[in-house]
């Protein structure tokens, strides 16, 4: 097996693995993340009230109760979920199709073409 064929098989494997993870994850995001949350917003498991603010450690983002409620009303979170889920689903399908095509049609080495 030549270098070109080995590189194609590695690329094929990566495409299939990444596509196989991204596709169902994107589908789950589309199905479940678009459901608007109900009730009071929470911070560290505790209900928030008007005037409260919450700081999220990993992102370093702080939001007030009012900002969270406004975001819920505007549907901004739902739009983001639709876009992100669509990108994951679409990209995953493209990777799966490309990886499948590459598996079925590997490049030929120079000595195999004759």
PDB file of N, CA and C in Angstrom:
ATOM      1  N   UNK A   1       0.864  -1.172   0.000  1.00  0.00           N
ATOM      2  CA  UNK A   1       0.000   0.000   0.000  1.00  0.00           C
ATOM      3  C   UNK A   1       0.909   1.233   0.000  1.00  0.00           C
ATOM      4  N   UNK A   2       0.628   2.143  -0.913  1.00  0.00           N
ATOM      5  CA  UNK A   2       1.429   3.350  -1.029  1.00  0.00           C
ATOM      6  C   UNK A   2       1.009   4.419  -0.034  1.00  0.00           C
ATOM      7  N   UNK A   3       1.804   5.471  -0.003  1.00  0.00           N
ATOM      8  CA  UNK A   3       1.544   6.573   0.922  1.00  0.00           C
ATOM      9  C   UNK A   3       0.200   7.230   0.649  1.00  0.00           C
ATOM     10  N   UNK A   4      -0.106   7.428  -0.626  1.00  0.00           N
ATOM     11  CA  UNK A   4      -1.352   8.114  -0.985  1.00  0.00           C
ATOM     12  C   UNK A   4      -2.569   7.323  -0.510  1.00  0.00           C
ATOM     13  N   UNK A   5      -2.520   6.023  -0.691  1.00  0.00           N
ATOM     14  CA  UNK A   5      -3.646   5.180  -0.272  1.00  0.00           C
ATOM     15  C   UNK A   5      -3.760   5.141   1.249  1.00  0.00           C
ATOM     16  N   UNK A   6      -2.631   5.057   1.945  1.00  0.00           N
ATOM     17  CA  UNK A   6      -2.648   5.030   3.412  1.00  0.00           C
ATOM     18  C   UNK A   6      -3.191   6.349   3.964  1.00  0.00           C
ATOM     19  N   UNK A   7      -2.767   7.465   3.384  1.00  0.00           N
ATOM     20  CA  UNK A   7      -3.260   8.773   3.825  1.00  0.00           C
ATOM     21  C   UNK A   7      -4.758   8.892   3.574  1.00  0.00           C
ATOM     22  N   UNK A   8      -5.220   8.365   2.445  1.00  0.00           N
ATOM     23  CA  UNK A   8      -6.651   8.415   2.131  1.00  0.00           C
ATOM     24  C   UNK A   8      -7.456   7.574   3.120  1.00  0.00           C
ATOM     25  N   UNK A   9      -6.932   6.436   3.525  1.00  0.00           N
ATOM     26  CA  UNK A   9      -7.648   5.589   4.470  1.00  0.00           C
ATOM     27  C   UNK A   9      -7.698   6.233   5.861  1.00  0.00           C
ATOM     28  N   UNK A  10      -6.628   6.915   6.243  1.00  0.00           N
ATOM     29  CA  UNK A  10      -6.641   7.632   7.527  1.00  0.00           C
ATOM     30  C   UNK A  10      -7.660   8.766   7.476  1.00  0.00           C
ATOM     31  N   UNK A  11      -7.664   9.516   6.368  1.00  0.00           N
ATOM     32  CA  UNK A  11      -8.641  10.600   6.204  1.00  0.00           C
ATOM     33  C   UNK A  11     -10.057  10.046   6.207  1.00  0.00           C
ATOM     34  N   UNK A  12     -10.254   8.919   5.547  1.00  0.00           N
ATOM     35  CA  UNK A  12     -11.571   8.272   5.495  1.00  0.00           C
ATOM     36  C   UNK A  12     -12.027   7.895   6.902  1.00  0.00           C
ATOM     37  N   UNK A  13     -11.147   7.300   7.669  1.00  0.00           N
ATOM     38  CA  UNK A  13     -11.484   6.893   9.033  1.00  0.00           C
ATOM     39  C   UNK A  13     -11.847   8.103   9.892  1.00  0.00           C
ATOM     40  N   UNK A  14     -11.056   9.166   9.791  1.00  0.00           N
ATOM     41  CA  UNK A  14     -11.352  10.380  10.558  1.00  0.00           C
ATOM     42  C   UNK A  14     -12.699  10.978  10.152  1.00  0.00           C
ATOM     43  N   UNK A  15     -12.970  11.016   8.850  1.00  0.00           N
ATOM     44  CA  UNK A  15     -14.238  11.567   8.370  1.00  0.00           C
ATOM     45  C   UNK A  15     -15.418  10.757   8.903  1.00  0.00           C
ATOM     46  N   UNK A  16     -15.293   9.441   8.876  1.00  0.00           N
ATOM     47  CA  UNK A  16     -16.390   8.591   9.340  1.00  0.00           C
ATOM     48  C   UNK A  16     -16.599   8.711  10.850  1.00  0.00           C
ATOM     49  N   UNK A  17     -15.520   8.787  11.607  1.00  0.00           N
ATOM     50  CA  UNK A  17     -15.649   8.905  13.066  1.00  0.00           C
ATOM     51  C   UNK A  17     -16.247  10.260  13.446  1.00  0.00           C
ATOM     52  N   UNK A  18     -15.685  11.339  12.894  1.00  0.00           N
ATOM     53  CA  UNK A  18     -16.189  12.675  13.230  1.00  0.00           C
ATOM     54  C   UNK A  18     -17.621  12.840  12.739  1.00  0.00           C
ATOM     55  N   UNK A  19     -17.906  12.382  11.524  1.00  0.00           N
ATOM     56  CA  UNK A  19     -19.272  12.463  11.001  1.00  0.00           C
ATOM     57  C   UNK A  19     -20.242  11.613  11.797  1.00  0.00           C
ATOM     58  N   UNK A  20     -19.770  10.451  12.256  1.00  0.00           N
ATOM     59  CA  UNK A  20     -20.619   9.572  13.052  1.00  0.00           C
ATOM     60  C   UNK A  20     -20.951  10.139  14.419  1.00  0.00           C
ATOM     61  N   UNK A  21     -20.110  11.018  14.936  1.00  0.00           N
ATOM     62  CA  UNK A  21     -20.385  11.679  16.213  1.00  0.00           C
ATOM     63  C   UNK A  21     -21.215  12.940  15.992  1.00  0.00           C
ATOM     64  N   UNK A  22     -20.850  13.733  14.990  1.00  0.00           N
ATOM     65  CA  UNK A  22     -21.514  15.022  14.759  1.00  0.00           C
ATOM     66  C   UNK A  22     -22.963  14.863  14.315  1.00  0.00           C
ATOM     67  N   UNK A  23     -23.253  13.853  13.502  1.00  0.00           N
ATOM     68  CA  UNK A  23     -24.612  13.695  12.971  1.00  0.00           C
ATOM     69  C   UNK A  23     -25.641  13.442  14.072  1.00  0.00           C
ATOM     70  N   UNK A  24     -25.480  12.430  14.917  1.00  0.00           N
ATOM     71  CA  UNK A  24     -26.493  12.239  15.964  1.00  0.00           C
ATOM     72  C   UNK A  24     -26.504  13.368  16.994  1.00  0.00           C
ATOM     73  N   UNK A  25     -25.333  13.950  17.267  1.00  0.00           N
ATOM     74  CA  UNK A  25     -25.288  15.059  18.219  1.00  0.00           C
ATOM     75  C   UNK A  25     -26.062  16.257  17.667  1.00  0.00           C
ATOM     76  N   UNK A  26     -25.887  16.556  16.383  1.00  0.00           N
ATOM     77  CA  UNK A  26     -26.640  17.645  15.757  1.00  0.00           C
ATOM     78  C   UNK A  26     -28.125  17.382  15.772  1.00  0.00           C
ATOM     79  N   UNK A  27     -28.505  16.140  15.541  1.00  0.00           N
ATOM     80  CA  UNK A  27     -29.921  15.772  15.578  1.00  0.00           C
ATOM     81  C   UNK A  27     -30.489  15.963  16.983  1.00  0.00           C
ATOM     82  N   UNK A  28     -29.739  15.555  17.996  1.00  0.00           N
ATOM     83  CA  UNK A  28     -30.193  15.750  19.380  1.00  0.00           C
ATOM     84  C   UNK A  28     -30.339  17.231  19.720  1.00  0.00           C
ATOM     85  N   UNK A  29     -29.399  18.044  19.262  1.00  0.00           N
ATOM     86  CA  UNK A  29     -29.490  19.485  19.510  1.00  0.00           C
ATOM     87  C   UNK A  29     -30.750  20.037  18.863  1.00  0.00           C
ATOM     88  N   UNK A  30     -31.015  19.637  17.622  1.00  0.00           N
ATOM     89  CA  UNK A  30     -32.215  20.123  16.937  1.00  0.00           C
ATOM     90  C   UNK A  30     -33.487  19.670  17.638  1.00  0.00           C
ATOM     91  N   UNK A  31     -33.495  18.458  18.151  1.00  0.00           N
ATOM     92  CA  UNK A  31     -34.706  17.930  18.776  1.00  0.00           C
ATOM     93  C   UNK A  31     -34.964  18.486  20.169  1.00  0.00           C
ATOM     94  N   UNK A  32     -33.919  18.625  20.974  1.00  0.00           N
ATOM     95  CA  UNK A  32     -34.134  18.940  22.380  1.00  0.00           C
ATOM     96  C   UNK A  32     -33.746  20.355  22.795  1.00  0.00           C
ATOM     97  N   UNK A  33     -32.790  20.961  22.148  1.00  0.00           N
ATOM     98  CA  UNK A  33     -32.331  22.283  22.582  1.00  0.00           C
ATOM     99  C   UNK A  33     -33.260  23.395  22.133  1.00  0.00           C
ATOM    100  N   UNK A  34     -34.170  23.106  21.224  1.00  0.00           N
ATOM    101  CA  UNK A  34     -35.082  24.147  20.754  1.00  0.00           C
ATOM    102  C   UNK A  34     -36.309  24.271  21.642  1.00  0.00           C
ATOM    103  N   UNK A  35     -36.422  23.402  22.631  1.00  0.00           N
ATOM    104  CA  UNK A  35     -37.549  23.479  23.556  1.00  0.00           C
ATOM    105  C   UNK A  35     -37.280  24.604  24.548  1.00  0.00           C
ATOM    106  N   UNK A  36     -38.092  25.665  24.535  1.00  0.00           N
ATOM    107  CA  UNK A  36     -37.802  26.789  25.428  1.00  0.00           C
ATOM    108  C   UNK A  36     -37.955  26.392  26.893  1.00  0.00           C
ATOM    109  N   UNK A  37     -37.029  26.826  27.737  1.00  0.00           N
ATOM    110  CA  UNK A  37     -37.135  26.496  29.157  1.00  0.00           C
ATOM    111  C   UNK A  37     -38.318  27.213  29.790  1.00  0.00           C
ATOM    112  N   UNK A  38     -38.891  26.587  30.772  1.00  0.00           N
ATOM    113  CA  UNK A  38     -40.019  27.208  31.466  1.00  0.00           C
ATOM    114  C   UNK A  38     -39.619  27.454  32.916  1.00  0.00           C
ATOM    115  N   UNK A  39     -40.358  28.304  33.574  1.00  0.00           N
ATOM    116  CA  UNK A  39     -40.069  28.583  34.980  1.00  0.00           C
ATOM    117  C   UNK A  39     -38.965  29.604  35.144  1.00  0.00           C
ATOM    118  N   UNK A  40     -38.529  29.730  36.368  1.00  0.00           N
ATOM    119  CA  UNK A  40     -37.496  30.710  36.704  1.00  0.00           C
ATOM    120  C   UNK A  40     -36.127  30.232  36.225  1.00  0.00           C
ATOM    121  N   UNK A  41     -35.279  31.186  35.821  1.00  0.00           N
ATOM    122  CA  UNK A  41     -33.899  30.796  35.532  1.00  0.00           C
ATOM    123  C   UNK A  41     -33.206  30.364  36.819  1.00  0.00           C
ATOM    124  N   UNK A  42     -32.211  29.523  36.687  1.00  0.00           N
ATOM    125  CA  UNK A  42     -31.474  29.058  37.861  1.00  0.00           C
ATOM    126  C   UNK A  42     -29.993  29.391  37.718  1.00  0.00           C
ATOM    127  N   UNK A  43     -29.341  29.494  38.856  1.00  0.00           N
ATOM    128  CA  UNK A  43     -27.895  29.713  38.909  1.00  0.00           C
ATOM    129  C   UNK A  43     -27.347  28.775  39.979  1.00  0.00           C
ATOM    130  N   UNK A  44     -26.495  27.862  39.589  1.00  0.00           N
ATOM    131  CA  UNK A  44     -25.959  26.858  40.517  1.00  0.00           C
ATOM    132  C   UNK A  44     -27.067  26.086  41.218  1.00  0.00           C
ATOM    133  N   UNK A  45     -28.148  25.818  40.497  1.00  0.00           N
ATOM    134  CA  UNK A  45     -29.251  25.038  41.039  1.00  0.00           C
ATOM    135  C   UNK A  45     -30.232  25.818  41.890  1.00  0.00           C
ATOM    136  N   UNK A  46     -30.014  27.115  42.065  1.00  0.00           N
ATOM    137  CA  UNK A  46     -30.919  27.939  42.883  1.00  0.00           C
ATOM    138  C   UNK A  46     -31.705  28.880  41.977  1.00  0.00           C
ATOM    139  N   UNK A  47     -32.978  29.056  42.302  1.00  0.00           N
ATOM    140  CA  UNK A  47     -33.835  29.936  41.504  1.00  0.00           C
ATOM    141  C   UNK A  47     -33.337  31.372  41.575  1.00  0.00           C
ATOM    142  N   UNK A  48     -33.411  32.047  40.426  1.00  0.00           N
ATOM    143  CA  UNK A  48     -33.026  33.462  40.371  1.00  0.00           C
ATOM    144  C   UNK A  48     -34.275  34.333  40.449  1.00  0.00           C
ATOM    145  N   UNK A  49     -34.109  35.530  40.964  1.00  0.00           N
ATOM    146  CA  UNK A  49     -35.203  36.495  41.091  1.00  0.00           C
ATOM    147  C   UNK A  49     -34.756  37.816  40.471  1.00  0.00           C
ATOM    148  N   UNK A  50     -35.720  38.704  40.173  1.00  0.00           N
ATOM    149  CA  UNK A  50     -35.344  39.998  39.594  1.00  0.00           C
ATOM    150  C   UNK A  50     -34.266  40.682  40.436  1.00  0.00           C
ATOM    151  N   UNK A  51     -33.248  41.197  39.739  1.00  0.00           N
ATOM    152  CA  UNK A  51     -32.123  41.849  40.408  1.00  0.00           C
ATOM    153  C   UNK A  51     -30.936  40.929  40.632  1.00  0.00           C
ATOM    154  N   UNK A  52     -31.144  39.599  40.529  1.00  0.00           N
ATOM    155  CA  UNK A  52     -30.043  38.647  40.698  1.00  0.00           C
ATOM    156  C   UNK A  52     -29.186  38.614  39.437  1.00  0.00           C
ATOM    157  N   UNK A  53     -27.934  38.208  39.612  1.00  0.00           N
ATOM    158  CA  UNK A  53     -27.065  37.955  38.468  1.00  0.00           C
ATOM    159  C   UNK A  53     -26.310  36.662  38.725  1.00  0.00           C
ATOM    160  N   UNK A  54     -25.864  36.055  37.649  1.00  0.00           N
ATOM    161  CA  UNK A  54     -25.177  34.768  37.746  1.00  0.00           C
ATOM    162  C   UNK A  54     -23.902  34.837  36.917  1.00  0.00           C
ATOM    163  N   UNK A  55     -22.837  34.258  37.444  1.00  0.00           N
ATOM    164  CA  UNK A  55     -21.546  34.225  36.772  1.00  0.00           C
ATOM    165  C   UNK A  55     -21.221  32.775  36.444  1.00  0.00           C
ATOM    166  N   UNK A  56     -20.954  32.501  35.157  1.00  0.00           N
ATOM    167  CA  UNK A  56     -20.605  31.153  34.726  1.00  0.00           C
ATOM    168  C   UNK A  56     -19.100  31.067  34.610  1.00  0.00           C
ATOM    169  N   UNK A  57     -18.492  30.207  35.421  1.00  0.00           N
ATOM    170  CA  UNK A  57     -17.039  30.072  35.499  1.00  0.00           C
ATOM    171  C   UNK A  57     -16.379  29.756  34.159  1.00  0.00           C
ATOM    172  N   UNK A  58     -16.796  28.681  33.460  1.00  0.00           N
ATOM    173  CA  UNK A  58     -16.032  28.292  32.267  1.00  0.00           C
ATOM    174  C   UNK A  58     -15.975  29.386  31.200  1.00  0.00           C
ATOM    175  N   UNK A  59     -17.096  30.054  30.973  1.00  0.00           N
ATOM    176  CA  UNK A  59     -17.128  31.055  29.904  1.00  0.00           C
ATOM    177  C   UNK A  59     -16.770  32.444  30.404  1.00  0.00           C
ATOM    178  N   UNK A  60     -16.817  32.659  31.700  1.00  0.00           N
ATOM    179  CA  UNK A  60     -16.545  33.979  32.247  1.00  0.00           C
ATOM    180  C   UNK A  60     -17.654  34.973  31.954  1.00  0.00           C
ATOM    181  N   UNK A  61     -18.840  34.470  31.662  1.00  0.00           N
ATOM    182  CA  UNK A  61     -19.981  35.313  31.298  1.00  0.00           C
ATOM    183  C   UNK A  61     -20.869  35.553  32.514  1.00  0.00           C
ATOM    184  N   UNK A  62     -21.334  36.784  32.643  1.00  0.00           N
ATOM    185  CA  UNK A  62     -22.260  37.118  33.718  1.00  0.00           C
ATOM    186  C   UNK A  62     -23.555  37.600  33.088  1.00  0.00           C
ATOM    187  N   UNK A  63     -24.675  37.143  33.626  1.00  0.00           N
ATOM    188  CA  UNK A  63     -25.980  37.559  33.115  1.00  0.00           C
ATOM    189  C   UNK A  63     -26.917  37.836  34.275  1.00  0.00           C
ATOM    190  N   UNK A  64     -27.750  38.829  34.090  1.00  0.00           N
ATOM    191  CA  UNK A  64     -28.738  39.155  35.114  1.00  0.00           C
ATOM    192  C   UNK A  64     -30.019  38.379  34.842  1.00  0.00           C
ATOM    193  N   UNK A  65     -30.868  38.332  35.841  1.00  0.00           N
ATOM    194  CA  UNK A  65     -32.178  37.699  35.698  1.00  0.00           C
ATOM    195  C   UNK A  65     -32.917  38.314  34.515  1.00  0.00           C
ATOM    196  N   UNK A  66     -32.875  39.639  34.416  1.00  0.00           N
ATOM    197  CA  UNK A  66     -33.592  40.345  33.359  1.00  0.00           C
ATOM    198  C   UNK A  66     -33.048  39.982  31.976  1.00  0.00           C
ATOM    199  N   UNK A  67     -31.719  39.860  31.850  1.00  0.00           N
ATOM    200  CA  UNK A  67     -31.120  39.489  30.561  1.00  0.00           C
ATOM    201  C   UNK A  67     -31.535  38.077  30.151  1.00  0.00           C
ATOM    202  N   UNK A  68     -31.550  37.185  31.103  1.00  0.00           N
ATOM    203  CA  UNK A  68     -31.938  35.803  30.806  1.00  0.00           C
ATOM    204  C   UNK A  68     -33.393  35.744  30.364  1.00  0.00           C
ATOM    205  N   UNK A  69     -34.266  36.454  31.068  1.00  0.00           N
ATOM    206  CA  UNK A  69     -35.689  36.445  30.702  1.00  0.00           C
ATOM    207  C   UNK A  69     -35.915  37.103  29.340  1.00  0.00           C
ATOM    208  N   UNK A  70     -35.182  38.165  29.033  1.00  0.00           N
ATOM    209  CA  UNK A  70     -35.309  38.831  27.731  1.00  0.00           C
ATOM    210  C   UNK A  70     -34.842  37.904  26.612  1.00  0.00           C
ATOM    211  N   UNK A  71     -33.766  37.190  26.875  1.00  0.00           N
ATOM    212  CA  UNK A  71     -33.260  36.247  25.874  1.00  0.00           C
ATOM    213  C   UNK A  71     -34.276  35.135  25.617  1.00  0.00           C
ATOM    214  N   UNK A  72     -34.909  34.669  26.673  1.00  0.00           N
ATOM    215  CA  UNK A  72     -35.949  33.647  26.508  1.00  0.00           C
ATOM    216  C   UNK A  72     -37.107  34.182  25.677  1.00  0.00           C
ATOM    217  N   UNK A  73     -37.525  35.431  25.972  1.00  0.00           N
ATOM    218  CA  UNK A  73     -38.651  36.025  25.249  1.00  0.00           C
ATOM    219  C   UNK A  73     -38.333  36.219  23.771  1.00  0.00           C
ATOM    220  N   UNK A  74     -37.112  36.620  23.470  1.00  0.00           N
ATOM    221  CA  UNK A  74     -36.747  36.912  22.081  1.00  0.00           C
ATOM    222  C   UNK A  74     -36.521  35.646  21.261  1.00  0.00           C
ATOM    223  N   UNK A  75     -36.335  34.514  21.909  1.00  0.00           N
ATOM    224  CA  UNK A  75     -36.089  33.266  21.187  1.00  0.00           C
ATOM    225  C   UNK A  75     -34.664  33.155  20.672  1.00  0.00           C
ATOM    226  N   UNK A  76     -33.770  33.993  21.181  1.00  0.00           N
ATOM    227  CA  UNK A  76     -32.383  33.996  20.717  1.00  0.00           C
ATOM    228  C   UNK A  76     -31.711  32.639  20.929  1.00  0.00           C
ATOM    229  N   UNK A  77     -31.949  32.040  22.062  1.00  0.00           N
ATOM    230  CA  UNK A  77     -31.353  30.736  22.348  1.00  0.00           C
ATOM    231  C   UNK A  77     -31.844  29.659  21.399  1.00  0.00           C
ATOM    232  N   UNK A  78     -33.116  29.736  21.018  1.00  0.00           N
ATOM    233  CA  UNK A  78     -33.667  28.761  20.079  1.00  0.00           C
ATOM    234  C   UNK A  78     -33.029  28.910  18.704  1.00  0.00           C
ATOM    235  N   UNK A  79     -32.834  30.152  18.261  1.00  0.00           N
ATOM    236  CA  UNK A  79     -32.191  30.376  16.959  1.00  0.00           C
ATOM    237  C   UNK A  79     -30.770  29.831  16.961  1.00  0.00           C
ATOM    238  N   UNK A  80     -30.041  30.092  18.044  1.00  0.00           N
ATOM    239  CA  UNK A  80     -28.675  29.575  18.147  1.00  0.00           C
ATOM    240  C   UNK A  80     -28.666  28.050  18.107  1.00  0.00           C
ATOM    241  N   UNK A  81     -29.597  27.428  18.797  1.00  0.00           N
ATOM    242  CA  UNK A  81     -29.668  25.966  18.810  1.00  0.00           C
ATOM    243  C   UNK A  81     -29.983  25.432  17.419  1.00  0.00           C
ATOM    244  N   UNK A  82     -30.889  26.081  16.709  1.00  0.00           N
ATOM    245  CA  UNK A  82     -31.214  25.646  15.350  1.00  0.00           C
ATOM    246  C   UNK A  82     -30.010  25.762  14.423  1.00  0.00           C
ATOM    247  N   UNK A  83     -29.299  26.876  14.512  1.00  0.00           N
ATOM    248  CA  UNK A  83     -28.121  27.069  13.660  1.00  0.00           C
ATOM    249  C   UNK A  83     -27.040  26.052  14.009  1.00  0.00           C
ATOM    250  N   UNK A  84     -26.719  25.930  15.288  1.00  0.00           N
ATOM    251  CA  UNK A  84     -25.668  24.991  15.700  1.00  0.00           C
ATOM    252  C   UNK A  84     -26.037  23.548  15.386  1.00  0.00           C
ATOM    253  N   UNK A  85     -27.280  23.167  15.672  1.00  0.00           N
ATOM    254  CA  UNK A  85     -27.717  21.810  15.368  1.00  0.00           C
ATOM    255  C   UNK A  85     -27.696  21.531  13.878  1.00  0.00           C
ATOM    256  N   UNK A  86     -28.123  22.511  13.086  1.00  0.00           N
ATOM    257  CA  UNK A  86     -28.111  22.348  11.629  1.00  0.00           C
ATOM    258  C   UNK A  86     -26.706  22.212  11.076  1.00  0.00           C
ATOM    259  N   UNK A  87     -25.785  23.006  11.609  1.00  0.00           N
ATOM    260  CA  UNK A  87     -24.391  22.917  11.158  1.00  0.00           C
ATOM    261  C   UNK A  87     -23.802  21.556  11.520  1.00  0.00           C
ATOM    262  N   UNK A  88     -24.047  21.103  12.745  1.00  0.00           N
ATOM    263  CA  UNK A  88     -23.534  19.790  13.158  1.00  0.00           C
ATOM    264  C   UNK A  88     -24.133  18.667  12.322  1.00  0.00           C
ATOM    265  N   UNK A  89     -25.442  18.722  12.128  1.00  0.00           N
ATOM    266  CA  UNK A  89     -26.111  17.669  11.364  1.00  0.00           C
ATOM    267  C   UNK A  89     -25.649  17.681   9.912  1.00  0.00           C
ATOM    268  N   UNK A  90     -25.669  18.856   9.291  1.00  0.00           N
ATOM    269  CA  UNK A  90     -25.256  18.957   7.889  1.00  0.00           C
ATOM    270  C   UNK A  90     -23.797  18.597   7.688  1.00  0.00           C
ATOM    271  N   UNK A  91     -22.934  19.122   8.550  1.00  0.00           N
ATOM    272  CA  UNK A  91     -21.516  18.804   8.442  1.00  0.00           C
ATOM    273  C   UNK A  91     -21.241  17.330   8.677  1.00  0.00           C
ATOM    274  N   UNK A  92     -21.945  16.742   9.633  1.00  0.00           N
ATOM    275  CA  UNK A  92     -21.774  15.315   9.900  1.00  0.00           C
ATOM    276  C   UNK A  92     -22.190  14.453   8.727  1.00  0.00           C
ATOM    277  N   UNK A  93     -23.294  14.812   8.089  1.00  0.00           N
ATOM    278  CA  UNK A  93     -23.761  14.054   6.922  1.00  0.00           C
ATOM    279  C   UNK A  93     -22.757  14.180   5.779  1.00  0.00           C
ATOM    280  N   UNK A  94     -22.245  15.389   5.550  1.00  0.00           N
ATOM    281  CA  UNK A  94     -21.244  15.589   4.491  1.00  0.00           C
ATOM    282  C   UNK A  94     -19.998  14.752   4.775  1.00  0.00           C
ATOM    283  N   UNK A  95     -19.545  14.739   6.026  1.00  0.00           N
ATOM    284  CA  UNK A  95     -18.372  13.936   6.376  1.00  0.00           C
ATOM    285  C   UNK A  95     -18.639  12.440   6.200  1.00  0.00           C
ATOM    286  N   UNK A  96     -19.821  11.985   6.589  1.00  0.00           N
ATOM    287  CA  UNK A  96     -20.153  10.566   6.404  1.00  0.00           C
ATOM    288  C   UNK A  96     -20.191  10.195   4.929  1.00  0.00           C
ATOM    289  N   UNK A  97     -20.820  11.037   4.122  1.00  0.00           N
ATOM    290  CA  UNK A  97     -20.886  10.758   2.683  1.00  0.00           C
ATOM    291  C   UNK A  97     -19.499  10.797   2.048  1.00  0.00           C
ATOM    292  N   UNK A  98     -18.705  11.800   2.411  1.00  0.00           N
ATOM    293  CA  UNK A  98     -17.351  11.901   1.868  1.00  0.00           C
ATOM    294  C   UNK A  98     -16.473  10.742   2.302  1.00  0.00           C
ATOM    295  N   UNK A  99     -16.560  10.362   3.570  1.00  0.00           N
ATOM    296  CA  UNK A  99     -15.778   9.228   4.053  1.00  0.00           C
ATOM    297  C   UNK A  99     -16.198   7.923   3.397  1.00  0.00           C
ATOM    298  N   UNK A 100     -17.503   7.744   3.200  1.00  0.00           N
ATOM    299  CA  UNK A 100     -17.986   6.549   2.508  1.00  0.00           C
ATOM    300  C   UNK A 100     -17.528   6.498   1.066  1.00  0.00           C
ATOM    301  N   UNK A 101     -17.564   7.647   0.389  1.00  0.00           N
ATOM    302  CA  UNK A 101     -17.117   7.697  -1.001  1.00  0.00           C
ATOM    303  C   UNK A 101     -15.628   7.399  -1.083  1.00  0.00           C
ATOM    304  N   UNK A 102     -14.842   7.983  -0.174  1.00  0.00           N
ATOM    305  CA  UNK A 102     -13.399   7.765  -0.176  1.00  0.00           C
ATOM    306  C   UNK A 102     -13.062   6.304   0.125  1.00  0.00           C
ATOM    307  N   UNK A 103     -13.853   5.665   0.967  1.00  0.00           N
ATOM    308  CA  UNK A 103     -13.637   4.250   1.271  1.00  0.00           C
ATOM    309  C   UNK A 103     -13.890   3.384   0.037  1.00  0.00           C
ATOM    310  N   UNK A 104     -14.940   3.727  -0.692  1.00  0.00           N
ATOM    311  CA  UNK A 104     -15.294   2.932  -1.876  1.00  0.00           C
ATOM    312  C   UNK A 104     -14.427   3.251  -3.087  1.00  0.00           C
ATOM    313  N   UNK A 105     -13.835   4.442  -3.138  1.00  0.00           N
ATOM    314  CA  UNK A 105     -13.017   4.869  -4.274  1.00  0.00           C
ATOM    315  C   UNK A 105     -11.659   5.383  -3.802  1.00  0.00           C
ATOM    316  N   UNK A 106     -10.830   4.505  -3.237  1.00  0.00           N
ATOM    317  CA  UNK A 106      -9.525   4.977  -2.758  1.00  0.00           C
ATOM    318  C   UNK A 106      -8.643   5.386  -3.937  1.00  0.00           C
ATOM    319  N   UNK A 107      -7.715   6.306  -3.732  1.00  0.00           N
ATOM    320  CA  UNK A 107      -6.827   6.705  -4.829  1.00  0.00           C
ATOM    321  C   UNK A 107      -5.916   5.544  -5.204  1.00  0.00           C
ATOM    322  N   UNK A 108      -5.559   5.509  -6.465  1.00  0.00           N
ATOM    323  CA  UNK A 108      -4.663   4.447  -6.935  1.00  0.00           C
ATOM    324  C   UNK A 108      -3.229   4.943  -6.908  1.00  0.00           C
ATOM    325  N   UNK A 109      -2.331   4.037  -6.614  1.00  0.00           N
ATOM    326  CA  UNK A 109      -0.912   4.356  -6.689  1.00  0.00           C
ATOM    327  C   UNK A 109      -0.483   4.323  -8.148  1.00  0.00           C
ATOM    328  N   UNK A 110       0.662   4.911  -8.443  1.00  0.00           N
ATOM    329  CA  UNK A 110       1.135   5.005  -9.827  1.00  0.00           C
ATOM    330  C   UNK A 110       1.294   3.624 -10.458  1.00  0.00           C
ATOM    331  N   UNK A 111       1.782   2.644  -9.712  1.00  0.00           N
ATOM    332  CA  UNK A 111       1.988   1.311 -10.284  1.00  0.00           C
ATOM    333  C   UNK A 111       0.674   0.568 -10.519  1.00  0.00           C
ATOM    334  N   UNK A 112      -0.422   0.962  -9.884  1.00  0.00           N
ATOM    335  CA  UNK A 112      -1.723   0.308 -10.080  1.00  0.00           C
ATOM    336  C   UNK A 112      -2.446   0.843 -11.309  1.00  0.00           C
ATOM    337  N   UNK A 113      -2.051   1.991 -11.823  1.00  0.00           N
ATOM    338  CA  UNK A 113      -2.760   2.620 -12.941  1.00  0.00           C
ATOM    339  C   UNK A 113      -2.445   1.956 -14.266  1.00  0.00           C
ATOM    340  N   UNK A 114      -1.356   1.252 -14.360  1.00  0.00           N
ATOM    341  CA  UNK A 114      -0.950   0.649 -15.642  1.00  0.00           C
ATOM    342  C   UNK A 114      -1.688  -0.603 -15.941  1.00  0.00           C
TER     343      UNK A 114
END
